[in-house]
């Protein structure tokens, strides 16, 4: 069976918003995840594109047996 983590679902939502062109709504979701993961928080800076989304997913789900190609 599959286990879904809240952070994975939030990343899915951020990616869906980005693909719909609603980047302004996607970045706060990424920043919420980053605030939890980094101390002190490191907000997302830069351009949100496919590579940036994959890097965020890789950093968040690293070590959980998920491969980068599974997320495309």
PDB file of N, CA and C in Angstrom:
ATOM      1  N   UNK A   1       0.832  -1.168   0.000  1.00  0.00           N
ATOM      2  CA  UNK A   1       0.000   0.000   0.000  1.00  0.00           C
ATOM      3  C   UNK A   1       0.880   1.235   0.000  1.00  0.00           C
ATOM      4  N   UNK A   2       0.306   2.331  -0.412  1.00  0.00           N
ATOM      5  CA  UNK A   2       1.047   3.582  -0.516  1.00  0.00           C
ATOM      6  C   UNK A   2       0.777   4.444   0.707  1.00  0.00           C
ATOM      7  N   UNK A   3       1.797   5.152   1.128  1.00  0.00           N
ATOM      8  CA  UNK A   3       1.655   6.119   2.214  1.00  0.00           C
ATOM      9  C   UNK A   3       1.869   7.498   1.612  1.00  0.00           C
ATOM     10  N   UNK A   4       0.903   8.368   1.823  1.00  0.00           N
ATOM     11  CA  UNK A   4       1.007   9.731   1.330  1.00  0.00           C
ATOM     12  C   UNK A   4       1.386  10.645   2.485  1.00  0.00           C
ATOM     13  N   UNK A   5       2.385  11.471   2.257  1.00  0.00           N
ATOM     14  CA  UNK A   5       2.792  12.451   3.254  1.00  0.00           C
ATOM     15  C   UNK A   5       2.183  13.786   2.901  1.00  0.00           C
ATOM     16  N   UNK A   6       1.866  14.564   3.923  1.00  0.00           N
ATOM     17  CA  UNK A   6       1.290  15.881   3.691  1.00  0.00           C
ATOM     18  C   UNK A   6       2.206  16.729   2.818  1.00  0.00           C
ATOM     19  N   UNK A   7       3.503  16.640   3.045  1.00  0.00           N
ATOM     20  CA  UNK A   7       4.429  17.446   2.243  1.00  0.00           C
ATOM     21  C   UNK A   7       4.381  17.038   0.773  1.00  0.00           C
ATOM     22  N   UNK A   8       4.208  15.753   0.488  1.00  0.00           N
ATOM     23  CA  UNK A   8       4.088  15.308  -0.897  1.00  0.00           C
ATOM     24  C   UNK A   8       2.826  15.836  -1.560  1.00  0.00           C
ATOM     25  N   UNK A   9       1.739  15.856  -0.802  1.00  0.00           N
ATOM     26  CA  UNK A   9       0.479  16.381  -1.327  1.00  0.00           C
ATOM     27  C   UNK A   9       0.592  17.882  -1.560  1.00  0.00           C
ATOM     28  N   UNK A  10       1.265  18.577  -0.637  1.00  0.00           N
ATOM     29  CA  UNK A  10       1.446  20.022  -0.804  1.00  0.00           C
ATOM     30  C   UNK A  10       2.319  20.319  -2.020  1.00  0.00           C
ATOM     31  N   UNK A  11       3.331  19.502  -2.247  1.00  0.00           N
ATOM     32  CA  UNK A  11       4.158  19.675  -3.446  1.00  0.00           C
ATOM     33  C   UNK A  11       3.337  19.431  -4.713  1.00  0.00           C
ATOM     34  N   UNK A  12       2.467  18.435  -4.690  1.00  0.00           N
ATOM     35  CA  UNK A  12       1.595  18.181  -5.831  1.00  0.00           C
ATOM     36  C   UNK A  12       0.705  19.385  -6.105  1.00  0.00           C
ATOM     37  N   UNK A  13       0.151  19.968  -5.041  1.00  0.00           N
ATOM     38  CA  UNK A  13      -0.717  21.138  -5.196  1.00  0.00           C
ATOM     39  C   UNK A  13       0.069  22.320  -5.767  1.00  0.00           C
ATOM     40  N   UNK A  14       1.264  22.557  -5.236  1.00  0.00           N
ATOM     41  CA  UNK A  14       2.089  23.658  -5.731  1.00  0.00           C
ATOM     42  C   UNK A  14       2.427  23.463  -7.208  1.00  0.00           C
ATOM     43  N   UNK A  15       2.747  22.236  -7.577  1.00  0.00           N
ATOM     44  CA  UNK A  15       3.069  21.969  -8.978  1.00  0.00           C
ATOM     45  C   UNK A  15       1.846  22.159  -9.874  1.00  0.00           C
ATOM     46  N   UNK A  16       0.687  21.718  -9.415  1.00  0.00           N
ATOM     47  CA  UNK A  16      -0.535  21.895 -10.207  1.00  0.00           C
ATOM     48  C   UNK A  16      -0.839  23.379 -10.392  1.00  0.00           C
ATOM     49  N   UNK A  17      -0.692  24.157  -9.328  1.00  0.00           N
ATOM     50  CA  UNK A  17      -0.924  25.598  -9.446  1.00  0.00           C
ATOM     51  C   UNK A  17       0.064  26.234 -10.407  1.00  0.00           C
ATOM     52  N   UNK A  18       1.330  25.827 -10.309  1.00  0.00           N
ATOM     53  CA  UNK A  18       2.344  26.367 -11.219  1.00  0.00           C
ATOM     54  C   UNK A  18       2.002  26.033 -12.667  1.00  0.00           C
ATOM     55  N   UNK A  19       1.594  24.793 -12.926  1.00  0.00           N
ATOM     56  CA  UNK A  19       1.253  24.390 -14.298  1.00  0.00           C
ATOM     57  C   UNK A  19       0.017  25.126 -14.822  1.00  0.00           C
ATOM     58  N   UNK A  20      -0.860  25.559 -13.915  1.00  0.00           N
ATOM     59  CA  UNK A  20      -2.032  26.341 -14.314  1.00  0.00           C
ATOM     60  C   UNK A  20      -1.701  27.821 -14.482  1.00  0.00           C
ATOM     61  N   UNK A  21      -0.446  28.182 -14.226  1.00  0.00           N
ATOM     62  CA  UNK A  21      -0.024  29.568 -14.367  1.00  0.00           C
ATOM     63  C   UNK A  21      -0.302  30.413 -13.136  1.00  0.00           C
ATOM     64  N   UNK A  22      -0.598  29.787 -12.021  1.00  0.00           N
ATOM     65  CA  UNK A  22      -0.912  30.496 -10.779  1.00  0.00           C
ATOM     66  C   UNK A  22       0.277  30.432  -9.829  1.00  0.00           C
ATOM     67  N   UNK A  23       1.418  30.931 -10.317  1.00  0.00           N
ATOM     68  CA  UNK A  23       2.674  30.884  -9.574  1.00  0.00           C
ATOM     69  C   UNK A  23       2.569  31.618  -8.247  1.00  0.00           C
ATOM     70  N   UNK A  24       1.801  32.704  -8.222  1.00  0.00           N
ATOM     71  CA  UNK A  24       1.635  33.478  -6.992  1.00  0.00           C
ATOM     72  C   UNK A  24       1.009  32.671  -5.869  1.00  0.00           C
ATOM     73  N   UNK A  25       0.246  31.651  -6.195  1.00  0.00           N
ATOM     74  CA  UNK A  25      -0.355  30.785  -5.183  1.00  0.00           C
ATOM     75  C   UNK A  25       0.555  29.600  -4.847  1.00  0.00           C
ATOM     76  N   UNK A  26       1.438  29.226  -5.762  1.00  0.00           N
ATOM     77  CA  UNK A  26       2.317  28.069  -5.555  1.00  0.00           C
ATOM     78  C   UNK A  26       3.483  28.398  -4.631  1.00  0.00           C
ATOM     79  N   UNK A  27       4.043  29.582  -4.765  1.00  0.00           N
ATOM     80  CA  UNK A  27       5.231  29.934  -3.984  1.00  0.00           C
ATOM     81  C   UNK A  27       4.969  29.951  -2.477  1.00  0.00           C
ATOM     82  N   UNK A  28       3.836  30.480  -1.981  1.00  0.00           N
ATOM     83  CA  UNK A  28       3.599  30.403  -0.531  1.00  0.00           C
ATOM     84  C   UNK A  28       3.529  28.968  -0.001  1.00  0.00           C
ATOM     85  N   UNK A  29       3.056  28.029  -0.803  1.00  0.00           N
ATOM     86  CA  UNK A  29       3.028  26.630  -0.381  1.00  0.00           C
ATOM     87  C   UNK A  29       4.454  26.109  -0.237  1.00  0.00           C
ATOM     88  N   UNK A  30       5.303  26.419  -1.207  1.00  0.00           N
ATOM     89  CA  UNK A  30       6.708  26.011  -1.107  1.00  0.00           C
ATOM     90  C   UNK A  30       7.382  26.642   0.104  1.00  0.00           C
ATOM     91  N   UNK A  31       7.075  27.915   0.356  1.00  0.00           N
ATOM     92  CA  UNK A  31       7.675  28.595   1.503  1.00  0.00           C
ATOM     93  C   UNK A  31       7.192  27.989   2.824  1.00  0.00           C
ATOM     94  N   UNK A  32       5.954  27.532   2.862  1.00  0.00           N
ATOM     95  CA  UNK A  32       5.443  26.874   4.060  1.00  0.00           C
ATOM     96  C   UNK A  32       6.218  25.583   4.334  1.00  0.00           C
ATOM     97  N   UNK A  33       6.485  24.819   3.290  1.00  0.00           N
ATOM     98  CA  UNK A  33       7.271  23.597   3.440  1.00  0.00           C
ATOM     99  C   UNK A  33       8.704  23.912   3.856  1.00  0.00           C
ATOM    100  N   UNK A  34       9.281  24.927   3.238  1.00  0.00           N
ATOM    101  CA  UNK A  34      10.659  25.289   3.559  1.00  0.00           C
ATOM    102  C   UNK A  34      10.791  25.833   4.977  1.00  0.00           C
ATOM    103  N   UNK A  35       9.778  26.539   5.472  1.00  0.00           N
ATOM    104  CA  UNK A  35       9.830  27.069   6.837  1.00  0.00           C
ATOM    105  C   UNK A  35       9.865  25.929   7.848  1.00  0.00           C
ATOM    106  N   UNK A  36       9.195  24.839   7.532  1.00  0.00           N
ATOM    107  CA  UNK A  36       9.186  23.684   8.421  1.00  0.00           C
ATOM    108  C   UNK A  36      10.505  22.923   8.348  1.00  0.00           C
ATOM    109  N   UNK A  37      11.093  22.872   7.157  1.00  0.00           N
ATOM    110  CA  UNK A  37      12.276  22.037   6.936  1.00  0.00           C
ATOM    111  C   UNK A  37      13.601  22.714   7.308  1.00  0.00           C
ATOM    112  N   UNK A  38      13.667  24.027   7.191  1.00  0.00           N
ATOM    113  CA  UNK A  38      14.938  24.725   7.420  1.00  0.00           C
ATOM    114  C   UNK A  38      14.861  25.587   8.671  1.00  0.00           C
ATOM    115  N   UNK A  39      15.956  25.610   9.412  1.00  0.00           N
ATOM    116  CA  UNK A  39      16.055  26.479  10.567  1.00  0.00           C
ATOM    117  C   UNK A  39      17.358  27.243  10.477  1.00  0.00           C
ATOM    118  N   UNK A  40      17.382  28.514  10.217  1.00  0.00           N
ATOM    119  CA  UNK A  40      16.260  29.418  10.001  1.00  0.00           C
ATOM    120  C   UNK A  40      15.618  29.190   8.633  1.00  0.00           C
ATOM    121  N   UNK A  41      14.357  29.618   8.477  1.00  0.00           N
ATOM    122  CA  UNK A  41      13.649  29.408   7.205  1.00  0.00           C
ATOM    123  C   UNK A  41      14.380  30.049   6.025  1.00  0.00           C
ATOM    124  N   UNK A  42      14.354  29.344   4.910  1.00  0.00           N
ATOM    125  CA  UNK A  42      14.961  29.856   3.673  1.00  0.00           C
ATOM    126  C   UNK A  42      13.863  29.923   2.605  1.00  0.00           C
ATOM    127  N   UNK A  43      13.238  31.080   2.435  1.00  0.00           N
ATOM    128  CA  UNK A  43      12.156  31.190   1.455  1.00  0.00           C
ATOM    129  C   UNK A  43      12.645  30.938   0.038  1.00  0.00           C
ATOM    130  N   UNK A  44      11.730  30.497  -0.805  1.00  0.00           N
ATOM    131  CA  UNK A  44      12.052  30.223  -2.201  1.00  0.00           C
ATOM    132  C   UNK A  44      12.351  31.532  -2.910  1.00  0.00           C
ATOM    133  N   UNK A  45      13.477  31.577  -3.593  1.00  0.00           N
ATOM    134  CA  UNK A  45      13.831  32.727  -4.421  1.00  0.00           C
ATOM    135  C   UNK A  45      14.209  32.186  -5.788  1.00  0.00           C
ATOM    136  N   UNK A  46      13.922  32.942  -6.784  1.00  0.00           N
ATOM    137  CA  UNK A  46      14.257  32.507  -8.130  1.00  0.00           C
ATOM    138  C   UNK A  46      13.018  32.302  -8.965  1.00  0.00           C
ATOM    139  N   UNK A  47      13.224  31.688 -10.093  1.00  0.00           N
ATOM    140  CA  UNK A  47      12.139  31.438 -11.037  1.00  0.00           C
ATOM    141  C   UNK A  47      11.568  30.054 -10.801  1.00  0.00           C
ATOM    142  N   UNK A  48      10.255  29.984 -10.738  1.00  0.00           N
ATOM    143  CA  UNK A  48       9.595  28.697 -10.551  1.00  0.00           C
ATOM    144  C   UNK A  48       9.403  28.065 -11.925  1.00  0.00           C
ATOM    145  N   UNK A  49      10.091  26.947 -12.145  1.00  0.00           N
ATOM    146  CA  UNK A  49       9.966  26.210 -13.398  1.00  0.00           C
ATOM    147  C   UNK A  49      10.002  24.723 -13.079  1.00  0.00           C
ATOM    148  N   UNK A  50       9.999  23.896 -14.101  1.00  0.00           N
ATOM    149  CA  UNK A  50       9.936  22.447 -13.877  1.00  0.00           C
ATOM    150  C   UNK A  50      11.139  21.937 -13.093  1.00  0.00           C
ATOM    151  N   UNK A  51      12.316  22.436 -13.415  1.00  0.00           N
ATOM    152  CA  UNK A  51      13.511  21.998 -12.708  1.00  0.00           C
ATOM    153  C   UNK A  51      13.472  22.401 -11.238  1.00  0.00           C
ATOM    154  N   UNK A  52      12.990  23.613 -10.963  1.00  0.00           N
ATOM    155  CA  UNK A  52      12.880  24.068  -9.574  1.00  0.00           C
ATOM    156  C   UNK A  52      11.884  23.210  -8.802  1.00  0.00           C
ATOM    157  N   UNK A  53      10.774  22.831  -9.437  1.00  0.00           N
ATOM    158  CA  UNK A  53       9.782  21.987  -8.774  1.00  0.00           C
ATOM    159  C   UNK A  53      10.385  20.611  -8.459  1.00  0.00           C
ATOM    160  N   UNK A  54      11.139  20.058  -9.399  1.00  0.00           N
ATOM    161  CA  UNK A  54      11.760  18.753  -9.162  1.00  0.00           C
ATOM    162  C   UNK A  54      12.805  18.820  -8.060  1.00  0.00           C
ATOM    163  N   UNK A  55      13.558  19.919  -7.999  1.00  0.00           N
ATOM    164  CA  UNK A  55      14.550  20.080  -6.929  1.00  0.00           C
ATOM    165  C   UNK A  55      13.879  20.170  -5.563  1.00  0.00           C
ATOM    166  N   UNK A  56      12.757  20.888  -5.497  1.00  0.00           N
ATOM    167  CA  UNK A  56      12.027  20.988  -4.230  1.00  0.00           C
ATOM    168  C   UNK A  56      11.510  19.617  -3.802  1.00  0.00           C
ATOM    169  N   UNK A  57      10.982  18.868  -4.759  1.00  0.00           N
ATOM    170  CA  UNK A  57      10.467  17.531  -4.457  1.00  0.00           C
ATOM    171  C   UNK A  57      11.601  16.605  -4.013  1.00  0.00           C
ATOM    172  N   UNK A  58      12.733  16.691  -4.688  1.00  0.00           N
ATOM    173  CA  UNK A  58      13.882  15.865  -4.330  1.00  0.00           C
ATOM    174  C   UNK A  58      14.366  16.176  -2.917  1.00  0.00           C
ATOM    175  N   UNK A  59      14.459  17.459  -2.597  1.00  0.00           N
ATOM    176  CA  UNK A  59      14.922  17.850  -1.262  1.00  0.00           C
ATOM    177  C   UNK A  59      13.943  17.408  -0.184  1.00  0.00           C
ATOM    178  N   UNK A  60      12.648  17.491  -0.461  1.00  0.00           N
ATOM    179  CA  UNK A  60      11.651  17.158   0.550  1.00  0.00           C
ATOM    180  C   UNK A  60      11.504  15.658   0.752  1.00  0.00           C
ATOM    181  N   UNK A  61      11.549  14.887  -0.323  1.00  0.00           N
ATOM    182  CA  UNK A  61      11.257  13.462  -0.230  1.00  0.00           C
ATOM    183  C   UNK A  61      12.491  12.574  -0.314  1.00  0.00           C
ATOM    184  N   UNK A  62      13.677  13.178  -0.200  1.00  0.00           N
ATOM    185  CA  UNK A  62      14.921  12.435  -0.277  1.00  0.00           C
ATOM    186  C   UNK A  62      14.976  11.364   0.820  1.00  0.00           C
ATOM    187  N   UNK A  63      15.471  10.215   0.491  1.00  0.00           N
ATOM    188  CA  UNK A  63      15.630   9.165   1.472  1.00  0.00           C
ATOM    189  C   UNK A  63      14.384   8.337   1.729  1.00  0.00           C
ATOM    190  N   UNK A  64      13.350   8.535   0.917  1.00  0.00           N
ATOM    191  CA  UNK A  64      12.104   7.797   1.122  1.00  0.00           C
ATOM    192  C   UNK A  64      11.851   6.759   0.038  1.00  0.00           C
ATOM    193  N   UNK A  65      12.873   6.456  -0.745  1.00  0.00           N
ATOM    194  CA  UNK A  65      12.727   5.423  -1.761  1.00  0.00           C
ATOM    195  C   UNK A  65      12.005   5.884  -3.002  1.00  0.00           C
ATOM    196  N   UNK A  66      11.854   7.191  -3.195  1.00  0.00           N
ATOM    197  CA  UNK A  66      11.211   7.690  -4.395  1.00  0.00           C
ATOM    198  C   UNK A  66      12.294   8.207  -5.324  1.00  0.00           C
ATOM    199  N   UNK A  67      12.165   7.873  -6.590  1.00  0.00           N
ATOM    200  CA  UNK A  67      13.152   8.324  -7.569  1.00  0.00           C
ATOM    201  C   UNK A  67      12.648   9.587  -8.241  1.00  0.00           C
ATOM    202  N   UNK A  68      13.581  10.383  -8.722  1.00  0.00           N
ATOM    203  CA  UNK A  68      13.219  11.634  -9.381  1.00  0.00           C
ATOM    204  C   UNK A  68      12.314  11.382 -10.576  1.00  0.00           C
ATOM    205  N   UNK A  69      12.562  10.302 -11.331  1.00  0.00           N
ATOM    206  CA  UNK A  69      11.737  10.031 -12.515  1.00  0.00           C
ATOM    207  C   UNK A  69      10.330   9.559 -12.147  1.00  0.00           C
ATOM    208  N   UNK A  70      10.119   9.115 -10.903  1.00  0.00           N
ATOM    209  CA  UNK A  70       8.772   8.726 -10.473  1.00  0.00           C
ATOM    210  C   UNK A  70       7.843   9.918 -10.380  1.00  0.00           C
ATOM    211  N   UNK A  71       8.410  11.101 -10.267  1.00  0.00           N
ATOM    212  CA  UNK A  71       7.598  12.280  -9.998  1.00  0.00           C
ATOM    213  C   UNK A  71       7.138  13.007 -11.251  1.00  0.00           C
ATOM    214  N   UNK A  72       7.579  12.577 -12.414  1.00  0.00           N
ATOM    215  CA  UNK A  72       7.215  13.279 -13.646  1.00  0.00           C
ATOM    216  C   UNK A  72       5.909  12.749 -14.170  1.00  0.00           C
TER     217      UNK A  72
END
